[in-house]
Amino acid sequence: MEKIKRLLASGFVVVSATAINLDLAPAFSAALSDAATIANHFSAIKSMSGDFVQSGPRAEKTGGRFFLQRPGKLRFDYAGKSGLSLIADGKSVVIYNKKLKTSHLYSLSKTPLKLLLDDKVEFSGSRLKSVKDDGAQVTIKLADKSVFGNSNITMVFDRKTLDLRRWSLADERGQSTTVTISNVKEGVRAPPGIFTIDYAANREFNTTAK
């Protein structure tokens, strides 16, 4: 369960307007422009599905299928006999463990995962902490200490297609969990009820809400 919680916990190049040398201003402006272009492209994708592989800080790996729908909706169904699933319904995020009959509920607005699921993704302002372009991919780091504490999210996009390839969530202790997606289909229609959270069952499982 701990490795799933880290998913919510919500060297990169840090770009700060107050610390940029004038000689670096053109590169800084280009980075901001790239970030804005990627944000617009990503925001235009209102739904997607595919496969995922999740890697934890101790190199443990799990995988399964995911569905994403803006705004605020996400579902991870983990493969194998774990019985784990993660559901975001636009307001809350719940982690179900059918095998152990446990359920943990979190406020979506308090996790960096929200920044991935917003209707209009914003890669600008004080939440934009870094932009790195290595020619093959663009890495964008977002954080907001006033909302998420020391947690942050880093998203990696293909430089050519601008498509999302993976994201990493770092928790308060700096431990990172990375989700890599593949076989992605955009504009998909999710099965009815797939993002529904059973709040009554959550209370029945004696969950601690956060």
N, C-alpha and C. Protein backbone atom coordinates (compact mmCIF):
# COMPACT_ATOMS: atom_id res chain seq x y z
N MET A 1 0.83 -1.21 0.00
CA MET A 1 0.00 0.00 0.00
C MET A 1 0.86 1.27 0.00
N GLU A 2 2.03 1.19 0.66
CA GLU A 2 2.87 2.37 0.76
C GLU A 2 3.34 2.86 -0.61
N LYS A 3 3.62 1.90 -1.50
CA LYS A 3 4.09 2.30 -2.81
C LYS A 3 2.99 3.00 -3.60
N ILE A 4 1.72 2.67 -3.34
CA ILE A 4 0.64 3.37 -4.03
C ILE A 4 0.44 4.75 -3.43
N LYS A 5 0.59 4.87 -2.10
CA LYS A 5 0.47 6.18 -1.48
C LYS A 5 1.48 7.16 -2.06
N ARG A 6 2.69 6.64 -2.37
CA ARG A 6 3.72 7.53 -2.88
C ARG A 6 3.34 8.08 -4.24
N LEU A 7 2.47 7.32 -4.96
CA LEU A 7 2.01 7.79 -6.24
C LEU A 7 1.23 9.09 -6.10
N LEU A 8 0.60 9.28 -4.92
CA LEU A 8 -0.20 10.46 -4.69
C LEU A 8 0.61 11.59 -4.07
N ALA A 9 1.75 11.35 -3.59
CA ALA A 9 2.43 12.34 -2.81
C ALA A 9 2.73 13.66 -3.56
N SER A 10 2.16 13.28 -3.86
CA SER A 10 2.12 14.49 -4.14
C SER A 10 2.50 14.65 -3.31
N GLY A 11 19.41 16.16 -11.18
CA GLY A 11 19.42 17.20 -11.94
C GLY A 11 18.59 17.73 -12.98
N PHE A 12 17.39 18.54 -12.51
CA PHE A 12 16.64 19.30 -13.49
C PHE A 12 17.16 20.74 -13.54
N VAL A 13 16.88 21.41 -14.65
CA VAL A 13 17.32 22.79 -14.82
C VAL A 13 16.29 23.71 -14.20
N VAL A 14 16.62 24.36 -13.11
CA VAL A 14 15.69 25.25 -12.42
C VAL A 14 15.71 26.60 -13.11
N VAL A 15 14.53 27.08 -13.46
CA VAL A 15 14.42 28.36 -14.13
C VAL A 15 13.70 29.33 -13.22
N SER A 16 14.37 30.37 -12.83
CA SER A 16 13.80 31.37 -11.95
C SER A 16 14.01 32.74 -12.56
N ALA A 17 12.92 33.48 -12.72
CA ALA A 17 13.00 34.78 -13.39
C ALA A 17 13.92 35.73 -12.66
N THR A 18 14.08 35.57 -11.37
CA THR A 18 14.91 36.49 -10.60
C THR A 18 16.37 36.09 -10.62
N ALA A 19 16.67 34.89 -11.13
CA ALA A 19 18.04 34.41 -11.08
C ALA A 19 18.66 34.21 -12.46
N ILE A 20 17.93 34.58 -13.51
CA ILE A 20 18.41 34.32 -14.86
C ILE A 20 19.38 35.40 -15.31
N ASN A 21 20.55 34.98 -15.77
CA ASN A 21 21.51 35.90 -16.35
C ASN A 21 20.96 36.39 -17.68
N LEU A 22 21.27 37.63 -18.04
CA LEU A 22 20.74 38.20 -19.28
C LEU A 22 21.16 37.38 -20.49
N ASP A 23 22.34 36.77 -20.43
CA ASP A 23 22.80 35.96 -21.55
C ASP A 23 21.95 34.73 -21.75
N LEU A 24 21.24 34.29 -20.70
CA LEU A 24 20.42 33.09 -20.77
C LEU A 24 18.96 33.41 -21.09
N ALA A 25 18.62 34.68 -21.19
CA ALA A 25 17.23 35.07 -21.39
C ALA A 25 16.60 34.45 -22.63
N PRO A 26 17.30 34.41 -23.80
CA PRO A 26 16.67 33.78 -24.97
C PRO A 26 16.34 32.31 -24.73
N ALA A 27 17.25 31.57 -24.10
CA ALA A 27 16.98 30.15 -23.82
C ALA A 27 15.83 29.99 -22.85
N PHE A 28 15.77 30.88 -21.88
CA PHE A 28 14.68 30.85 -20.91
C PHE A 28 13.35 31.09 -21.58
N SER A 29 13.30 32.08 -22.47
CA SER A 29 12.07 32.39 -23.19
C SER A 29 11.64 31.22 -24.07
N ALA A 30 12.62 30.57 -24.70
CA ALA A 30 12.31 29.42 -25.54
C ALA A 30 11.74 28.27 -24.71
N ALA A 31 12.31 28.08 -23.51
CA ALA A 31 11.83 27.02 -22.64
C ALA A 31 10.40 27.27 -22.22
N LEU A 32 10.08 28.52 -21.89
CA LEU A 32 8.72 28.86 -21.51
C LEU A 32 7.76 28.66 -22.68
N SER A 33 8.21 29.03 -23.87
CA SER A 33 7.38 28.85 -25.06
C SER A 33 7.11 27.38 -25.32
N ASP A 34 8.15 26.55 -25.19
CA ASP A 34 7.98 25.10 -25.37
C ASP A 34 7.00 24.54 -24.35
N ALA A 35 7.14 24.99 -23.10
CA ALA A 35 6.26 24.50 -22.03
C ALA A 35 4.81 24.86 -22.32
N ALA A 36 4.58 26.08 -22.80
CA ALA A 36 3.22 26.52 -23.12
C ALA A 36 2.63 25.72 -24.28
N THR A 37 3.46 25.45 -25.29
CA THR A 37 3.01 24.66 -26.44
C THR A 37 2.61 23.25 -26.01
N ILE A 38 3.44 22.64 -25.17
CA ILE A 38 3.16 21.29 -24.68
C ILE A 38 1.89 21.29 -23.82
N ALA A 39 1.74 22.30 -22.98
CA ALA A 39 0.56 22.39 -22.12
C ALA A 39 -0.72 22.46 -22.95
N ASN A 40 -0.69 23.26 -24.01
CA ASN A 40 -1.87 23.38 -24.88
C ASN A 40 -2.17 22.06 -25.58
N HIS A 41 -1.13 21.39 -26.04
CA HIS A 41 -1.31 20.09 -26.70
C HIS A 41 -1.88 19.06 -25.74
N PHE A 42 -1.32 19.01 -24.54
CA PHE A 42 -1.76 18.03 -23.55
C PHE A 42 -3.18 18.32 -23.08
N SER A 43 -3.52 19.60 -22.91
CA SER A 43 -4.86 19.98 -22.47
C SER A 43 -5.92 19.59 -23.49
N ALA A 44 -5.53 19.59 -24.76
CA ALA A 44 -6.49 19.26 -25.83
C ALA A 44 -6.86 17.78 -25.84
N ILE A 45 -6.07 16.96 -25.18
CA ILE A 45 -6.37 15.53 -25.09
C ILE A 45 -7.29 15.32 -23.90
N LYS A 46 -8.55 15.13 -24.17
CA LYS A 46 -9.54 15.06 -23.10
C LYS A 46 -9.71 13.66 -22.50
N SER A 47 -9.25 12.65 -23.22
CA SER A 47 -9.32 11.30 -22.67
C SER A 47 -8.26 10.43 -23.32
N MET A 48 -7.81 9.43 -22.57
CA MET A 48 -6.86 8.47 -23.12
C MET A 48 -6.89 7.19 -22.29
N SER A 49 -6.37 6.14 -22.88
CA SER A 49 -6.23 4.87 -22.17
C SER A 49 -4.98 4.18 -22.67
N GLY A 50 -4.52 3.20 -21.91
CA GLY A 50 -3.33 2.48 -22.32
C GLY A 50 -2.80 1.59 -21.21
N ASP A 51 -1.56 1.16 -21.38
CA ASP A 51 -0.89 0.34 -20.39
C ASP A 51 0.06 1.21 -19.57
N PHE A 52 0.35 0.78 -18.36
CA PHE A 52 1.32 1.51 -17.54
C PHE A 52 2.22 0.55 -16.79
N VAL A 53 3.43 1.05 -16.50
CA VAL A 53 4.36 0.36 -15.61
C VAL A 53 4.75 1.37 -14.54
N GLN A 54 4.59 0.98 -13.30
CA GLN A 54 4.91 1.85 -12.17
C GLN A 54 6.19 1.35 -11.50
N SER A 55 7.15 2.26 -11.33
CA SER A 55 8.43 1.93 -10.70
C SER A 55 8.55 2.71 -9.40
N GLY A 56 8.81 2.01 -8.30
CA GLY A 56 8.93 2.65 -7.00
C GLY A 56 10.37 2.98 -6.66
N PRO A 57 10.60 3.65 -5.54
CA PRO A 57 11.94 4.09 -5.15
C PRO A 57 12.89 2.94 -4.84
N ARG A 58 12.37 1.76 -4.60
CA ARG A 58 13.23 0.59 -4.36
C ARG A 58 13.28 -0.32 -5.59
N ALA A 59 12.97 0.28 -6.74
CA ALA A 59 13.03 -0.41 -8.04
C ALA A 59 11.96 -1.48 -8.20
N GLU A 60 10.97 -1.50 -7.30
CA GLU A 60 9.88 -2.45 -7.47
C GLU A 60 8.97 -1.99 -8.62
N LYS A 61 8.44 -2.94 -9.37
CA LYS A 61 7.64 -2.59 -10.53
C LYS A 61 6.30 -3.32 -10.51
N THR A 62 5.26 -2.58 -10.90
CA THR A 62 3.94 -3.15 -11.09
C THR A 62 3.37 -2.53 -12.36
N GLY A 63 2.33 -3.13 -12.90
CA GLY A 63 1.76 -2.61 -14.13
C GLY A 63 0.29 -2.90 -14.23
N GLY A 64 -0.30 -2.44 -15.33
CA GLY A 64 -1.71 -2.66 -15.55
C GLY A 64 -2.26 -1.76 -16.64
N ARG A 65 -3.55 -1.45 -16.53
CA ARG A 65 -4.23 -0.61 -17.50
C ARG A 65 -4.69 0.67 -16.84
N PHE A 66 -4.75 1.75 -17.64
CA PHE A 66 -5.22 3.01 -17.10
C PHE A 66 -6.23 3.67 -18.05
N PHE A 67 -7.09 4.49 -17.46
CA PHE A 67 -8.00 5.36 -18.20
C PHE A 67 -7.89 6.76 -17.60
N LEU A 68 -7.84 7.76 -18.46
CA LEU A 68 -7.78 9.16 -18.01
C LEU A 68 -8.84 9.95 -18.74
N GLN A 69 -9.53 10.83 -18.00
CA GLN A 69 -10.53 11.70 -18.59
C GLN A 69 -10.53 13.03 -17.87
N ARG A 70 -10.40 14.10 -18.62
CA ARG A 70 -10.42 15.43 -18.02
C ARG A 70 -11.86 15.90 -17.82
N PRO A 71 -12.07 16.70 -16.76
CA PRO A 71 -11.10 17.07 -15.73
C PRO A 71 -11.13 16.10 -14.53
N GLY A 72 -9.96 15.79 -14.03
CA GLY A 72 -9.84 15.16 -12.73
C GLY A 72 -10.11 13.67 -12.60
N LYS A 73 -10.25 12.96 -13.72
CA LYS A 73 -10.64 11.55 -13.61
C LYS A 73 -9.51 10.64 -14.09
N LEU A 74 -9.27 9.61 -13.29
CA LEU A 74 -8.20 8.67 -13.60
C LEU A 74 -8.53 7.32 -12.96
N ARG A 75 -8.14 6.26 -13.64
CA ARG A 75 -8.28 4.92 -13.04
C ARG A 75 -7.07 4.08 -13.41
N PHE A 76 -6.49 3.45 -12.39
CA PHE A 76 -5.43 2.47 -12.57
C PHE A 76 -5.97 1.13 -12.08
N ASP A 77 -5.93 0.13 -12.93
CA ASP A 77 -6.22 -1.24 -12.52
C ASP A 77 -4.93 -2.03 -12.60
N TYR A 78 -4.44 -2.45 -11.43
CA TYR A 78 -3.16 -3.14 -11.38
C TYR A 78 -3.33 -4.61 -11.74
N ALA A 79 -2.41 -5.12 -12.55
CA ALA A 79 -2.47 -6.50 -13.02
C ALA A 79 -2.07 -7.46 -11.90
N GLY A 80 -2.35 -8.73 -12.14
CA GLY A 80 -1.96 -9.75 -11.18
C GLY A 80 -2.99 -9.94 -10.08
N LYS A 81 -2.53 -10.48 -8.96
CA LYS A 81 -3.43 -10.84 -7.88
C LYS A 81 -3.43 -9.82 -6.74
N SER A 82 -2.89 -8.64 -6.99
CA SER A 82 -2.81 -7.64 -5.93
C SER A 82 -4.18 -7.13 -5.50
N GLY A 83 -5.13 -7.09 -6.46
CA GLY A 83 -6.46 -6.56 -6.15
C GLY A 83 -6.48 -5.07 -5.98
N LEU A 84 -5.43 -4.39 -6.44
CA LEU A 84 -5.32 -2.94 -6.26
C LEU A 84 -5.94 -2.18 -7.42
N SER A 85 -6.58 -1.07 -7.09
CA SER A 85 -7.03 -0.13 -8.10
C SER A 85 -7.01 1.28 -7.50
N LEU A 86 -6.77 2.25 -8.34
CA LEU A 86 -6.78 3.66 -7.94
C LEU A 86 -7.78 4.38 -8.80
N ILE A 87 -8.65 5.17 -8.16
CA ILE A 87 -9.69 5.89 -8.89
C ILE A 87 -9.73 7.35 -8.43
N ALA A 88 -9.72 8.25 -9.40
CA ALA A 88 -9.96 9.67 -9.13
C ALA A 88 -11.24 10.06 -9.85
N ASP A 89 -12.18 10.67 -9.12
CA ASP A 89 -13.48 10.99 -9.72
C ASP A 89 -13.67 12.48 -9.97
N GLY A 90 -12.59 13.25 -9.87
CA GLY A 90 -12.67 14.69 -10.06
C GLY A 90 -12.66 15.45 -8.76
N LYS A 91 -12.96 14.78 -7.67
CA LYS A 91 -12.97 15.39 -6.34
C LYS A 91 -12.03 14.69 -5.38
N SER A 92 -12.05 13.39 -5.43
CA SER A 92 -11.27 12.58 -4.50
C SER A 92 -10.46 11.54 -5.26
N VAL A 93 -9.48 10.97 -4.56
CA VAL A 93 -8.72 9.84 -5.07
C VAL A 93 -8.85 8.73 -4.04
N VAL A 94 -9.19 7.54 -4.49
CA VAL A 94 -9.32 6.41 -3.57
C VAL A 94 -8.43 5.28 -4.04
N ILE A 95 -7.83 4.58 -3.09
CA ILE A 95 -7.02 3.40 -3.38
C ILE A 95 -7.73 2.20 -2.76
N TYR A 96 -8.20 1.31 -3.61
CA TYR A 96 -8.89 0.11 -3.16
C TYR A 96 -7.92 -1.07 -3.17
N ASN A 97 -8.02 -1.88 -2.14
CA ASN A 97 -7.33 -3.16 -2.13
C ASN A 97 -8.39 -4.23 -1.86
N LYS A 98 -8.88 -4.83 -2.94
CA LYS A 98 -9.96 -5.80 -2.80
C LYS A 98 -9.51 -7.04 -2.03
N LYS A 99 -8.26 -7.37 -2.18
CA LYS A 99 -7.74 -8.56 -1.50
C LYS A 99 -7.75 -8.38 0.01
N LEU A 100 -7.32 -7.21 0.47
CA LEU A 100 -7.28 -6.93 1.91
C LEU A 100 -8.54 -6.24 2.41
N LYS A 101 -9.43 -5.88 1.48
CA LYS A 101 -10.66 -5.19 1.81
C LYS A 101 -10.37 -3.88 2.57
N THR A 102 -9.48 -3.10 1.97
CA THR A 102 -9.14 -1.79 2.53
C THR A 102 -9.36 -0.72 1.47
N SER A 103 -9.53 0.50 1.93
CA SER A 103 -9.78 1.62 1.05
C SER A 103 -9.26 2.89 1.71
N HIS A 104 -8.52 3.70 0.95
CA HIS A 104 -7.97 4.94 1.49
C HIS A 104 -8.36 6.10 0.58
N LEU A 105 -8.90 7.14 1.17
CA LEU A 105 -9.47 8.27 0.43
C LEU A 105 -8.63 9.52 0.66
N TYR A 106 -8.39 10.27 -0.43
CA TYR A 106 -7.61 11.49 -0.38
C TYR A 106 -8.33 12.57 -1.18
N SER A 107 -8.06 13.81 -0.85
CA SER A 107 -8.58 14.93 -1.63
C SER A 107 -7.69 15.13 -2.85
N LEU A 108 -8.27 15.10 -4.04
CA LEU A 108 -7.49 15.27 -5.26
C LEU A 108 -6.77 16.61 -5.29
N SER A 109 -7.42 17.65 -4.76
CA SER A 109 -6.83 18.99 -4.81
C SER A 109 -5.57 19.12 -3.97
N LYS A 110 -5.33 18.15 -3.09
CA LYS A 110 -4.16 18.21 -2.21
C LYS A 110 -3.01 17.35 -2.72
N THR A 111 -3.15 16.77 -3.89
CA THR A 111 -2.08 15.95 -4.45
C THR A 111 -1.60 16.55 -5.77
N PRO A 112 -0.29 16.45 -6.08
CA PRO A 112 0.22 16.95 -7.36
C PRO A 112 -0.40 16.26 -8.56
N LEU A 113 -1.04 15.12 -8.36
CA LEU A 113 -1.72 14.43 -9.44
C LEU A 113 -2.76 15.32 -10.09
N LYS A 114 -3.31 16.26 -9.33
CA LYS A 114 -4.30 17.20 -9.85
C LYS A 114 -3.74 17.97 -11.05
N LEU A 115 -2.45 18.32 -11.01
CA LEU A 115 -1.85 19.11 -12.07
C LEU A 115 -1.79 18.35 -13.39
N LEU A 116 -1.83 17.03 -13.32
CA LEU A 116 -1.85 16.19 -14.51
C LEU A 116 -3.24 16.10 -15.10
N LEU A 117 -4.26 16.25 -14.23
CA LEU A 117 -5.64 15.97 -14.62
C LEU A 117 -6.50 17.21 -14.82
N ASP A 118 -5.94 18.39 -14.61
CA ASP A 118 -6.72 19.62 -14.79
C ASP A 118 -7.29 19.69 -16.20
N ASP A 119 -8.43 20.36 -16.35
CA ASP A 119 -9.05 20.53 -17.66
C ASP A 119 -8.13 21.31 -18.58
N LYS A 120 -7.54 22.37 -18.05
CA LYS A 120 -6.54 23.13 -18.79
C LYS A 120 -5.24 23.08 -18.01
N VAL A 121 -4.29 22.35 -18.54
CA VAL A 121 -3.00 22.19 -17.88
C VAL A 121 -2.19 23.49 -18.02
N GLU A 122 -1.59 23.91 -16.92
CA GLU A 122 -0.81 25.14 -16.91
C GLU A 122 0.65 24.83 -16.57
N PHE A 123 1.54 25.08 -17.53
CA PHE A 123 2.98 24.95 -17.29
C PHE A 123 3.58 26.35 -17.28
N SER A 124 3.21 27.13 -16.26
CA SER A 124 3.68 28.51 -16.19
C SER A 124 3.54 29.00 -14.75
N GLY A 125 3.98 30.23 -14.52
CA GLY A 125 3.83 30.83 -13.20
C GLY A 125 4.75 30.20 -12.17
N SER A 126 4.40 30.42 -10.91
CA SER A 126 5.26 29.98 -9.82
C SER A 126 5.30 28.46 -9.66
N ARG A 127 4.32 27.74 -10.20
CA ARG A 127 4.32 26.28 -10.09
C ARG A 127 5.32 25.62 -11.03
N LEU A 128 5.73 26.32 -12.07
CA LEU A 128 6.71 25.78 -13.01
C LEU A 128 8.10 25.93 -12.40
N LYS A 129 8.70 24.81 -12.04
CA LYS A 129 9.99 24.84 -11.36
C LYS A 129 11.16 24.56 -12.28
N SER A 130 10.96 23.80 -13.34
CA SER A 130 12.07 23.53 -14.25
C SER A 130 11.57 23.04 -15.59
N VAL A 131 12.38 23.31 -16.62
CA VAL A 131 12.13 22.82 -17.97
C VAL A 131 13.47 22.35 -18.52
N LYS A 132 13.51 21.12 -19.03
CA LYS A 132 14.74 20.58 -19.60
C LYS A 132 14.44 19.93 -20.93
N ASP A 133 15.18 20.32 -21.96
CA ASP A 133 15.00 19.78 -23.31
C ASP A 133 16.32 19.14 -23.73
N ASP A 134 16.32 17.81 -23.89
CA ASP A 134 17.56 17.14 -24.29
C ASP A 134 17.57 16.77 -25.77
N GLY A 135 16.59 17.32 -26.50
CA GLY A 135 16.51 17.05 -27.93
C GLY A 135 15.58 15.91 -28.29
N ALA A 136 15.42 14.97 -27.36
CA ALA A 136 14.52 13.83 -27.59
C ALA A 136 13.26 13.93 -26.76
N GLN A 137 13.38 14.57 -25.61
CA GLN A 137 12.22 14.72 -24.74
C GLN A 137 12.33 16.00 -23.94
N VAL A 138 11.17 16.47 -23.49
CA VAL A 138 11.09 17.68 -22.67
C VAL A 138 10.58 17.28 -21.30
N THR A 139 11.32 17.66 -20.27
CA THR A 139 10.97 17.31 -18.90
C THR A 139 10.52 18.57 -18.17
N ILE A 140 9.33 18.52 -17.58
CA ILE A 140 8.73 19.67 -16.91
C ILE A 140 8.39 19.30 -15.48
N LYS A 141 8.89 20.10 -14.56
CA LYS A 141 8.65 19.86 -13.13
C LYS A 141 7.74 20.94 -12.56
N LEU A 142 6.70 20.50 -11.82
CA LEU A 142 5.74 21.40 -11.22
C LEU A 142 5.66 21.15 -9.71
N ALA A 143 5.47 22.20 -8.95
CA ALA A 143 5.32 22.08 -7.50
C ALA A 143 4.62 23.32 -6.97
N ASP A 144 4.00 23.17 -5.81
CA ASP A 144 3.36 24.29 -5.13
C ASP A 144 3.40 23.98 -3.64
N LYS A 145 4.40 24.53 -2.96
CA LYS A 145 4.62 24.20 -1.55
C LYS A 145 3.42 24.56 -0.68
N SER A 146 2.70 25.63 -1.04
CA SER A 146 1.57 26.07 -0.23
C SER A 146 0.40 25.09 -0.29
N VAL A 147 0.34 24.27 -1.36
CA VAL A 147 -0.76 23.32 -1.53
C VAL A 147 -0.31 21.88 -1.30
N PHE A 148 0.83 21.52 -1.88
CA PHE A 148 1.28 20.13 -1.87
C PHE A 148 2.46 19.88 -0.93
N GLY A 149 2.89 20.90 -0.18
CA GLY A 149 4.06 20.72 0.67
C GLY A 149 5.30 20.49 -0.18
N ASN A 150 6.12 19.54 0.20
CA ASN A 150 7.35 19.25 -0.54
C ASN A 150 7.13 18.25 -1.68
N SER A 151 5.91 17.83 -1.89
CA SER A 151 5.62 16.91 -2.99
C SER A 151 5.66 17.66 -4.32
N ASN A 152 5.98 16.95 -5.38
CA ASN A 152 6.01 17.57 -6.71
C ASN A 152 5.76 16.52 -7.77
N ILE A 153 5.51 16.99 -8.98
CA ILE A 153 5.29 16.09 -10.11
C ILE A 153 6.19 16.52 -11.26
N THR A 154 6.79 15.55 -11.92
CA THR A 154 7.62 15.79 -13.10
C THR A 154 7.04 15.00 -14.26
N MET A 155 6.78 15.68 -15.38
CA MET A 155 6.22 15.03 -16.56
C MET A 155 7.22 15.07 -17.70
N VAL A 156 7.28 13.97 -18.45
CA VAL A 156 8.21 13.86 -19.57
C VAL A 156 7.41 13.67 -20.85
N PHE A 157 7.70 14.54 -21.83
CA PHE A 157 6.98 14.54 -23.11
C PHE A 157 7.93 14.27 -24.26
N ASP A 158 7.44 13.57 -25.27
CA ASP A 158 8.21 13.35 -26.48
C ASP A 158 8.45 14.68 -27.19
N ARG A 159 9.69 14.96 -27.55
CA ARG A 159 10.02 16.27 -28.16
C ARG A 159 9.35 16.46 -29.51
N LYS A 160 9.21 15.39 -30.28
CA LYS A 160 8.66 15.50 -31.62
C LYS A 160 7.14 15.54 -31.63
N THR A 161 6.51 14.61 -30.93
CA THR A 161 5.05 14.51 -30.96
C THR A 161 4.37 15.32 -29.85
N LEU A 162 5.13 15.69 -28.82
CA LEU A 162 4.65 16.39 -27.63
C LEU A 162 3.76 15.53 -26.74
N ASP A 163 3.72 14.23 -27.01
CA ASP A 163 2.87 13.33 -26.23
C ASP A 163 3.52 12.98 -24.89
N LEU A 164 2.69 12.78 -23.89
CA LEU A 164 3.16 12.38 -22.56
C LEU A 164 3.71 10.96 -22.61
N ARG A 165 4.89 10.77 -22.04
CA ARG A 165 5.52 9.46 -21.98
C ARG A 165 5.52 8.88 -20.56
N ARG A 166 5.77 9.72 -19.58
CA ARG A 166 5.79 9.24 -18.19
C ARG A 166 5.69 10.43 -17.25
N TRP A 167 5.40 10.11 -15.99
CA TRP A 167 5.43 11.13 -14.96
C TRP A 167 5.97 10.52 -13.67
N SER A 168 6.54 11.38 -12.84
CA SER A 168 7.08 10.95 -11.55
C SER A 168 6.49 11.83 -10.46
N LEU A 169 6.09 11.19 -9.37
CA LEU A 169 5.58 11.90 -8.21
C LEU A 169 6.55 11.70 -7.06
N ALA A 170 7.04 12.81 -6.50
CA ALA A 170 7.94 12.76 -5.35
C ALA A 170 7.14 13.11 -4.11
N ASP A 171 7.30 12.32 -3.05
CA ASP A 171 6.56 12.58 -1.82
C ASP A 171 7.33 13.53 -0.91
N GLU A 172 6.81 13.75 0.28
CA GLU A 172 7.40 14.70 1.22
C GLU A 172 8.84 14.33 1.61
N ARG A 173 9.17 13.04 1.53
CA ARG A 173 10.50 12.58 1.89
C ARG A 173 11.45 12.53 0.70
N GLY A 174 10.95 12.96 -0.48
CA GLY A 174 11.78 12.96 -1.66
C GLY A 174 11.83 11.63 -2.39
N GLN A 175 11.04 10.65 -1.93
CA GLN A 175 11.00 9.37 -2.62
C GLN A 175 10.08 9.45 -3.83
N SER A 176 10.55 8.94 -4.94
CA SER A 176 9.85 9.14 -6.20
C SER A 176 9.27 7.84 -6.75
N THR A 177 8.06 7.95 -7.31
CA THR A 177 7.40 6.85 -8.01
C THR A 177 7.12 7.29 -9.44
N THR A 178 7.54 6.49 -10.40
CA THR A 178 7.42 6.85 -11.81
C THR A 178 6.42 5.95 -12.52
N VAL A 179 5.58 6.56 -13.32
CA VAL A 179 4.60 5.83 -14.14
C VAL A 179 4.93 6.07 -15.61
N THR A 180 5.23 5.00 -16.32
CA THR A 180 5.52 5.07 -17.76
C THR A 180 4.33 4.47 -18.51
N ILE A 181 3.83 5.20 -19.50
CA ILE A 181 2.65 4.73 -20.23
C ILE A 181 3.02 4.33 -21.66
N SER A 182 2.25 3.38 -22.20
CA SER A 182 2.49 2.88 -23.55
C SER A 182 1.17 2.42 -24.16
N ASN A 183 1.22 2.15 -25.46
CA ASN A 183 0.02 1.71 -26.20
C ASN A 183 -1.16 2.65 -25.94
N VAL A 184 -0.87 3.93 -25.96
CA VAL A 184 -1.86 4.95 -25.60
C VAL A 184 -2.82 5.21 -26.77
N LYS A 185 -4.11 5.27 -26.42
CA LYS A 185 -5.14 5.66 -27.37
C LYS A 185 -5.82 6.92 -26.84
N GLU A 186 -5.95 7.91 -27.70
CA GLU A 186 -6.56 9.17 -27.30
C GLU A 186 -8.01 9.25 -27.78
N GLY A 187 -8.79 10.09 -27.08
CA GLY A 187 -10.17 10.28 -27.48
C GLY A 187 -11.04 9.06 -27.26
N VAL A 188 -10.68 8.25 -26.28
CA VAL A 188 -11.44 7.02 -26.03
C VAL A 188 -12.64 7.31 -25.13
N ARG A 189 -13.62 6.45 -25.21
CA ARG A 189 -14.78 6.54 -24.33
C ARG A 189 -14.65 5.48 -23.24
N ALA A 190 -14.53 5.93 -22.01
CA ALA A 190 -14.35 5.00 -20.90
C ALA A 190 -15.65 4.27 -20.60
N PRO A 191 -15.56 3.04 -20.14
CA PRO A 191 -16.77 2.28 -19.77
C PRO A 191 -17.56 3.02 -18.69
N PRO A 192 -18.88 2.94 -18.71
CA PRO A 192 -19.72 3.63 -17.71
C PRO A 192 -19.34 3.23 -16.28
N GLY A 193 -19.27 4.22 -15.42
CA GLY A 193 -19.02 3.98 -14.01
C GLY A 193 -17.59 3.70 -13.63
N ILE A 194 -16.67 3.78 -14.60
CA ILE A 194 -15.29 3.39 -14.31
C ILE A 194 -14.60 4.35 -13.35
N PHE A 195 -15.09 5.60 -13.29
CA PHE A 195 -14.49 6.58 -12.39
C PHE A 195 -15.32 6.81 -11.13
N THR A 196 -16.28 5.94 -10.89
CA THR A 196 -17.16 6.11 -9.74
C THR A 196 -16.50 5.60 -8.46
N ILE A 197 -16.52 6.43 -7.43
CA ILE A 197 -16.02 6.03 -6.12
C ILE A 197 -17.20 5.66 -5.23
N ASP A 198 -17.13 4.52 -4.61
CA ASP A 198 -18.17 4.07 -3.68
C ASP A 198 -17.83 4.63 -2.29
N TYR A 199 -18.37 5.82 -1.99
CA TYR A 199 -18.03 6.47 -0.72
C TYR A 199 -18.58 5.70 0.47
N ALA A 200 -19.71 5.04 0.29
CA ALA A 200 -20.27 4.24 1.38
C ALA A 200 -19.34 3.07 1.71
N ALA A 201 -18.82 2.42 0.67
CA ALA A 201 -17.89 1.30 0.89
C ALA A 201 -16.61 1.81 1.54
N ASN A 202 -16.21 3.02 1.15
CA ASN A 202 -15.00 3.59 1.74
C ASN A 202 -15.16 3.77 3.25
N ARG A 203 -16.34 4.26 3.67
CA ARG A 203 -16.59 4.42 5.10
C ARG A 203 -16.67 3.05 5.78
N GLU A 204 -17.23 2.11 5.07
CA GLU A 204 -17.39 0.77 5.65
C GLU A 204 -16.03 0.10 5.88
N PHE A 205 -15.09 0.40 5.01
CA PHE A 205 -13.74 -0.17 5.15
C PHE A 205 -12.92 0.53 6.22
N ASN A 206 -13.58 1.46 6.93
CA ASN A 206 -12.90 2.16 8.03
C ASN A 206 -11.66 2.90 7.56
N THR A 207 -11.81 3.64 6.47
CA THR A 207 -10.68 4.35 5.88
C THR A 207 -10.41 5.65 6.63
N THR A 208 -9.18 6.01 6.70
CA THR A 208 -8.79 7.31 7.23
C THR A 208 -8.73 8.28 6.08
N ALA A 209 -9.60 9.28 6.07
CA ALA A 209 -9.62 10.26 5.00
C ALA A 209 -8.56 11.32 5.26
N LYS A 210 -7.99 11.83 4.17
CA LYS A 210 -6.96 12.88 4.27
C LYS A 210 -7.31 14.00 3.33
